[in-house]
Amino acid sequence: MAISKGSNNSPFPKHAADQEDLVDENTILVQRTLRSGQTISYHGNVVVLGDVNPGAEISATGNVIVMGALRGVVHAGAGGDENAIVMAFKLQPTQLRISDHITRPPDNEAIDADHPEMARIKDGVVTIEAFQTPAERQAKP
């Protein structure tokens, strides 16, 4: 996997679309769709600019954020971090793990989210909810 880093003390390259992957501190930016058989395992956070197709896997000790559809296997908080989250525009994983909690999508349930979705541990259980910005949360009565 090619890793690149921007110049001029910036963590981001001037033309991010021209780069393959970007690593900054404890976050890796994967700028492609992950296909079946491809695996990302990283000590830190993983951000994917693309989809994660069925048969692809991501494992991270931190958070996993997919700017696309997540339809593969994902494991956030792989080092035991129950505060880790998984977020995607479409959250449809074949298996989702946060720390040592494991879940999968319910059978025959169509998902049509208007917002990105976020999975996290809440009261000891993996919960999936629509992501809301702080402004959206404040606007609700």
C-alpha atoms as a PDB file:
ATOM      1  CA  MET A   1       0.000   0.000   0.000  1.00  0.00           C
ATOM      2  CA  ALA A   2       1.476   3.349  -1.007  1.00  0.00           C
ATOM      3  CA  ILE A   3       1.640   5.976   1.712  1.00  0.00           C
ATOM      4  CA  SER A   4       2.165   9.657   0.995  1.00  0.00           C
ATOM      5  CA  LYS A   5       2.364  12.784   3.068  1.00  0.00           C
ATOM      6  CA  GLY A   6       1.963  16.428   2.094  1.00  0.00           C
ATOM      7  CA  SER A   7       4.711  18.998   2.086  1.00  0.00           C
ATOM      8  CA  ASN A   8       5.068  22.449   3.668  1.00  0.00           C
ATOM      9  CA  ASN A   9       4.277  21.064   7.138  1.00  0.00           C
ATOM     10  CA  SER A  10       0.696  20.376   6.051  1.00  0.00           C
ATOM     11  CA  PRO A  11      -0.721  16.943   6.863  1.00  0.00           C
ATOM     12  CA  PHE A  12      -2.563  17.016   3.519  1.00  0.00           C
ATOM     13  CA  PRO A  13      -1.108  17.048   0.019  1.00  0.00           C
ATOM     14  CA  LYS A  14      -1.930  20.035  -2.194  1.00  0.00           C
ATOM     15  CA  HIS A  15      -3.846  17.793  -4.593  1.00  0.00           C
ATOM     16  CA  ALA A  16      -5.303  14.991  -2.489  1.00  0.00           C
ATOM     17  CA  ALA A  17      -7.040  13.411  -5.489  1.00  0.00           C
ATOM     18  CA  ASP A  18      -3.609  12.814  -7.074  1.00  0.00           C
ATOM     19  CA  GLN A  19      -2.350  10.849  -4.062  1.00  0.00           C
ATOM     20  CA  GLU A  20      -2.963   7.210  -3.195  1.00  0.00           C
ATOM     21  CA  ASP A  21      -3.171   7.046   0.607  1.00  0.00           C
ATOM     22  CA  LEU A  22      -2.368   9.651   3.227  1.00  0.00           C
ATOM     23  CA  VAL A  23      -1.155   8.928   6.740  1.00  0.00           C
ATOM     24  CA  ASP A  24      -1.112  11.612   9.418  1.00  0.00           C
ATOM     25  CA  GLU A  25      -0.431  10.808  13.050  1.00  0.00           C
ATOM     26  CA  ASN A  26      -2.853   7.971  13.836  1.00  0.00           C
ATOM     27  CA  THR A  27      -5.187   8.251  10.861  1.00  0.00           C
ATOM     28  CA  ILE A  28      -4.913   6.686   7.429  1.00  0.00           C
ATOM     29  CA  LEU A  29      -6.868   8.108   4.492  1.00  0.00           C
ATOM     30  CA  VAL A  30      -7.631   5.445   1.888  1.00  0.00           C
ATOM     31  CA  GLN A  31      -8.611   7.145  -1.359  1.00  0.00           C
ATOM     32  CA  ARG A  32     -10.187   4.263  -3.235  1.00  0.00           C
ATOM     33  CA  THR A  33     -12.972   1.695  -3.060  1.00  0.00           C
ATOM     34  CA  LEU A  34     -12.048  -1.521  -1.246  1.00  0.00           C
ATOM     35  CA  ARG A  35     -12.989  -4.600  -3.231  1.00  0.00           C
ATOM     36  CA  SER A  36     -13.600  -8.193  -2.157  1.00  0.00           C
ATOM     37  CA  GLY A  37     -10.424  -9.745  -0.769  1.00  0.00           C
ATOM     38  CA  GLN A  38      -8.795  -6.428   0.158  1.00  0.00           C
ATOM     39  CA  THR A  39      -7.991  -5.775   3.824  1.00  0.00           C
ATOM     40  CA  ILE A  40      -6.959  -2.664   5.744  1.00  0.00           C
ATOM     41  CA  SER A  41      -5.597  -3.216   9.248  1.00  0.00           C
ATOM     42  CA  TYR A  42      -4.355  -0.089  11.004  1.00  0.00           C
ATOM     43  CA  HIS A  43      -3.301   1.010  14.487  1.00  0.00           C
ATOM     44  CA  GLY A  44      -5.413   4.176  14.644  1.00  0.00           C
ATOM     45  CA  ASN A  45      -8.333   5.616  12.681  1.00  0.00           C
ATOM     46  CA  VAL A  46      -9.270   4.641   9.115  1.00  0.00           C
ATOM     47  CA  VAL A  47     -11.065   6.987   6.707  1.00  0.00           C
ATOM     48  CA  VAL A  48     -12.108   5.573   3.321  1.00  0.00           C
ATOM     49  CA  LEU A  49     -13.029   7.859   0.424  1.00  0.00           C
ATOM     50  CA  GLY A  50     -15.022   5.274  -1.488  1.00  0.00           C
ATOM     51  CA  ASP A  51     -17.061   2.162  -0.818  1.00  0.00           C
ATOM     52  CA  VAL A  52     -16.169  -0.963   1.148  1.00  0.00           C
ATOM     53  CA  ASN A  53     -17.610  -3.816  -0.882  1.00  0.00           C
ATOM     54  CA  PRO A  54     -18.725  -7.233   0.423  1.00  0.00           C
ATOM     55  CA  GLY A  55     -15.682  -9.410   1.042  1.00  0.00           C
ATOM     56  CA  ALA A  56     -13.454  -6.434   1.950  1.00  0.00           C
ATOM     57  CA  GLU A  57     -12.383  -5.941   5.572  1.00  0.00           C
ATOM     58  CA  ILE A  58     -11.275  -3.021   7.726  1.00  0.00           C
ATOM     59  CA  SER A  59      -9.801  -3.377  11.204  1.00  0.00           C
ATOM     60  CA  ALA A  60      -8.751  -0.320  13.216  1.00  0.00           C
ATOM     61  CA  THR A  61      -7.881   0.299  16.842  1.00  0.00           C
ATOM     62  CA  GLY A  62      -9.686   3.647  16.502  1.00  0.00           C
ATOM     63  CA  ASN A  63     -12.673   4.874  14.495  1.00  0.00           C
ATOM     64  CA  VAL A  64     -13.681   3.814  10.981  1.00  0.00           C
ATOM     65  CA  ILE A  65     -15.310   6.388   8.708  1.00  0.00           C
ATOM     66  CA  VAL A  66     -16.425   5.468   5.188  1.00  0.00           C
ATOM     67  CA  MET A  67     -17.366   8.249   2.792  1.00  0.00           C
ATOM     68  CA  GLY A  68     -19.481   5.832   0.782  1.00  0.00           C
ATOM     69  CA  ALA A  69     -21.302   2.544   1.330  1.00  0.00           C
ATOM     70  CA  LEU A  70     -19.915   0.111   3.901  1.00  0.00           C
ATOM     71  CA  ARG A  71     -20.961  -3.385   2.819  1.00  0.00           C
ATOM     72  CA  GLY A  72     -17.959  -5.425   3.994  1.00  0.00           C
ATOM     73  CA  VAL A  73     -16.647  -6.436   7.424  1.00  0.00           C
ATOM     74  CA  VAL A  74     -15.597  -3.668   9.816  1.00  0.00           C
ATOM     75  CA  HIS A  75     -13.939  -3.777  13.247  1.00  0.00           C
ATOM     76  CA  ALA A  76     -13.438  -0.457  15.066  1.00  0.00           C
ATOM     77  CA  GLY A  77     -11.842  -0.273  18.496  1.00  0.00           C
ATOM     78  CA  ALA A  78      -9.932  -3.473  17.741  1.00  0.00           C
ATOM     79  CA  GLY A  79      -7.669  -2.862  20.730  1.00  0.00           C
ATOM     80  CA  GLY A  80     -10.633  -2.853  23.118  1.00  0.00           C
ATOM     81  CA  ASP A  81     -11.759   0.783  22.716  1.00  0.00           C
ATOM     82  CA  GLU A  82     -15.513   0.827  23.402  1.00  0.00           C
ATOM     83  CA  ASN A  83     -15.626   4.552  22.555  1.00  0.00           C
ATOM     84  CA  ALA A  84     -14.744   3.870  18.915  1.00  0.00           C
ATOM     85  CA  ILE A  85     -17.369   4.537  16.246  1.00  0.00           C
ATOM     86  CA  VAL A  86     -18.151   3.338  12.742  1.00  0.00           C
ATOM     87  CA  MET A  87     -19.700   5.861  10.381  1.00  0.00           C
ATOM     88  CA  ALA A  88     -20.713   5.576   6.717  1.00  0.00           C
ATOM     89  CA  PHE A  89     -23.026   7.207   4.206  1.00  0.00           C
ATOM     90  CA  LYS A  90     -24.708   3.786   3.895  1.00  0.00           C
ATOM     91  CA  LEU A  91     -24.052   1.418   6.784  1.00  0.00           C
ATOM     92  CA  GLN A  92     -24.784  -2.098   5.484  1.00  0.00           C
ATOM     93  CA  PRO A  93     -21.890  -4.254   6.749  1.00  0.00           C
ATOM     94  CA  THR A  94     -21.914  -8.026   6.579  1.00  0.00           C
ATOM     95  CA  GLN A  95     -20.450  -7.884  10.096  1.00  0.00           C
ATOM     96  CA  LEU A  96     -19.800  -4.926  12.393  1.00  0.00           C
ATOM     97  CA  ARG A  97     -17.578  -5.088  15.465  1.00  0.00           C
ATOM     98  CA  ILE A  98     -16.752  -2.408  17.990  1.00  0.00           C
ATOM     99  CA  SER A  99     -14.251  -3.554  20.606  1.00  0.00           C
ATOM    100  CA  ASP A 100     -15.506  -7.046  21.529  1.00  0.00           C
ATOM    101  CA  HIS A 101     -19.154  -6.382  20.548  1.00  0.00           C
ATOM    102  CA  ILE A 102     -20.285  -8.068  17.324  1.00  0.00           C
ATOM    103  CA  THR A 103     -23.432  -7.503  15.271  1.00  0.00           C
ATOM    104  CA  ARG A 104     -24.727  -7.938  11.751  1.00  0.00           C
ATOM    105  CA  PRO A 105     -27.587  -6.314   9.864  1.00  0.00           C
ATOM    106  CA  PRO A 106     -31.077  -7.692  10.435  1.00  0.00           C
ATOM    107  CA  ASP A 107     -32.472 -10.013   7.758  1.00  0.00           C
ATOM    108  CA  ASN A 108     -34.726  -8.475   5.096  1.00  0.00           C
ATOM    109  CA  GLU A 109     -34.523  -4.935   6.436  1.00  0.00           C
ATOM    110  CA  ALA A 110     -34.233  -2.249   3.784  1.00  0.00           C
ATOM    111  CA  ILE A 111     -32.039   0.650   4.809  1.00  0.00           C
ATOM    112  CA  ASP A 112     -32.729   4.060   3.291  1.00  0.00           C
ATOM    113  CA  ALA A 113     -30.992   6.645   5.426  1.00  0.00           C
ATOM    114  CA  ASP A 114     -31.244  10.376   4.732  1.00  0.00           C
ATOM    115  CA  HIS A 115     -28.121  11.034   6.794  1.00  0.00           C
ATOM    116  CA  PRO A 116     -24.841   9.242   7.296  1.00  0.00           C
ATOM    117  CA  GLU A 117     -25.221   6.496   9.878  1.00  0.00           C
ATOM    118  CA  MET A 118     -23.123   5.937  12.974  1.00  0.00           C
ATOM    119  CA  ALA A 119     -22.642   2.775  15.007  1.00  0.00           C
ATOM    120  CA  ARG A 120     -21.383   2.987  18.569  1.00  0.00           C
ATOM    121  CA  ILE A 121     -21.608   1.217  21.904  1.00  0.00           C
ATOM    122  CA  LYS A 122     -24.453   2.564  24.015  1.00  0.00           C
ATOM    123  CA  ASP A 123     -25.329   0.907  27.319  1.00  0.00           C
ATOM    124  CA  GLY A 124     -23.212  -2.117  26.384  1.00  0.00           C
ATOM    125  CA  VAL A 125     -24.966  -2.707  23.039  1.00  0.00           C
ATOM    126  CA  VAL A 126     -24.054  -1.746  19.472  1.00  0.00           C
ATOM    127  CA  THR A 127     -26.548   0.892  18.326  1.00  0.00           C
ATOM    128  CA  ILE A 128     -26.939   2.396  14.867  1.00  0.00           C
ATOM    129  CA  GLU A 129     -28.376   5.860  14.475  1.00  0.00           C
ATOM    130  CA  ALA A 130     -28.471   8.682  11.958  1.00  0.00           C
ATOM    131  CA  PHE A 131     -25.499  10.992  12.390  1.00  0.00           C
ATOM    132  CA  GLN A 132     -26.449  14.515  13.370  1.00  0.00           C
ATOM    133  CA  THR A 133     -24.226  17.552  13.488  1.00  0.00           C
ATOM    134  CA  PRO A 134     -24.130  19.485  16.778  1.00  0.00           C
ATOM    135  CA  ALA A 135     -26.351  22.148  15.160  1.00  0.00           C
ATOM    136  CA  GLU A 136     -28.932  19.513  14.184  1.00  0.00           C
ATOM    137  CA  ARG A 137     -28.914  18.078  17.720  1.00  0.00           C
ATOM    138  CA  GLN A 138     -29.469  21.545  19.229  1.00  0.00           C
ATOM    139  CA  ALA A 139     -32.342  22.306  16.838  1.00  0.00           C
ATOM    140  CA  LYS A 140     -34.385  19.339  18.086  1.00  0.00           C
ATOM    141  CA  PRO A 141     -36.787  20.150  20.942  1.00  0.00           C
END
